[in-house]
């Protein structure tokens, strides 16, 4: 979201430091997001919620 808000010039071209977003139909983007989601779920199940301070 940060890249979308600040990573493009007024002309719509991305700055060199910005990571370009993948198209919605990208199989690689879908697979990567599924892996990241699964890793987050596994980490939450193994470690549990953060303790309340």
C-alpha atoms as a PDB file:
ATOM      1  CA  UNK A   1       0.000   0.000   0.000  1.00  0.00           C
ATOM      2  CA  UNK A   2       2.868   2.351   0.818  1.00  0.00           C
ATOM      3  CA  UNK A   3       4.409   1.808  -2.617  1.00  0.00           C
ATOM      4  CA  UNK A   4       1.064   2.490  -4.265  1.00  0.00           C
ATOM      5  CA  UNK A   5       0.699   5.780  -2.381  1.00  0.00           C
ATOM      6  CA  UNK A   6       4.296   7.057  -2.557  1.00  0.00           C
ATOM      7  CA  UNK A   7       6.147   4.914  -5.095  1.00  0.00           C
ATOM      8  CA  UNK A   8       4.897   6.502  -8.288  1.00  0.00           C
ATOM      9  CA  UNK A   9       5.696   9.813  -9.933  1.00  0.00           C
ATOM     10  CA  UNK A  10       3.031  12.222 -11.151  1.00  0.00           C
ATOM     11  CA  UNK A  11       3.430  10.658 -14.604  1.00  0.00           C
ATOM     12  CA  UNK A  12       2.420   7.242 -13.205  1.00  0.00           C
ATOM     13  CA  UNK A  13       5.870   5.677 -13.614  1.00  0.00           C
ATOM     14  CA  UNK A  14       7.366   3.953 -10.573  1.00  0.00           C
ATOM     15  CA  UNK A  15      10.484   5.208  -8.805  1.00  0.00           C
ATOM     16  CA  UNK A  16      13.502   2.889  -9.025  1.00  0.00           C
ATOM     17  CA  UNK A  17      13.314   2.074  -5.298  1.00  0.00           C
ATOM     18  CA  UNK A  18       9.663   1.032  -5.434  1.00  0.00           C
ATOM     19  CA  UNK A  19       8.664  -2.605  -5.758  1.00  0.00           C
ATOM     20  CA  UNK A  20       6.190  -2.941  -8.585  1.00  0.00           C
ATOM     21  CA  UNK A  21       2.887  -4.605  -7.877  1.00  0.00           C
ATOM     22  CA  UNK A  22       2.093  -7.861  -9.657  1.00  0.00           C
ATOM     23  CA  UNK A  23      -1.009  -8.064 -11.846  1.00  0.00           C
ATOM     24  CA  UNK A  24      -4.085  -9.609 -10.170  1.00  0.00           C
ATOM     25  CA  UNK A  25      -4.015 -12.690 -12.416  1.00  0.00           C
ATOM     26  CA  UNK A  26      -0.367 -13.495 -11.627  1.00  0.00           C
ATOM     27  CA  UNK A  27       0.028 -17.117 -10.539  1.00  0.00           C
ATOM     28  CA  UNK A  28       3.343 -16.325  -8.836  1.00  0.00           C
ATOM     29  CA  UNK A  29       1.778 -13.555  -6.762  1.00  0.00           C
ATOM     30  CA  UNK A  30      -1.074 -15.834  -5.719  1.00  0.00           C
ATOM     31  CA  UNK A  31       1.291 -18.641  -4.759  1.00  0.00           C
ATOM     32  CA  UNK A  32       3.559 -16.312  -2.787  1.00  0.00           C
ATOM     33  CA  UNK A  33       0.652 -14.789  -0.895  1.00  0.00           C
ATOM     34  CA  UNK A  34      -0.648 -18.280  -0.049  1.00  0.00           C
ATOM     35  CA  UNK A  35       2.792 -19.266   1.294  1.00  0.00           C
ATOM     36  CA  UNK A  36       3.044 -16.099   3.394  1.00  0.00           C
ATOM     37  CA  UNK A  37      -0.471 -16.651   4.756  1.00  0.00           C
ATOM     38  CA  UNK A  38       0.313 -20.272   5.640  1.00  0.00           C
ATOM     39  CA  UNK A  39       3.561 -19.249   7.350  1.00  0.00           C
ATOM     40  CA  UNK A  40       1.695 -16.665   9.417  1.00  0.00           C
ATOM     41  CA  UNK A  41      -0.966 -19.167  10.464  1.00  0.00           C
ATOM     42  CA  UNK A  42       1.674 -21.757  11.419  1.00  0.00           C
ATOM     43  CA  UNK A  43       3.638 -19.172  13.407  1.00  0.00           C
ATOM     44  CA  UNK A  44       0.494 -18.110  15.262  1.00  0.00           C
ATOM     45  CA  UNK A  45      -0.477 -21.712  16.046  1.00  0.00           C
ATOM     46  CA  UNK A  46       3.029 -22.591  17.264  1.00  0.00           C
ATOM     47  CA  UNK A  47       3.765 -19.439  19.266  1.00  0.00           C
ATOM     48  CA  UNK A  48       0.260 -18.399  20.189  1.00  0.00           C
ATOM     49  CA  UNK A  49      -1.006 -14.856  20.605  1.00  0.00           C
ATOM     50  CA  UNK A  50       1.227 -12.105  21.958  1.00  0.00           C
ATOM     51  CA  UNK A  51       1.080 -11.798  25.757  1.00  0.00           C
ATOM     52  CA  UNK A  52      -0.898  -8.888  27.153  1.00  0.00           C
ATOM     53  CA  UNK A  53       1.317  -6.461  29.024  1.00  0.00           C
END
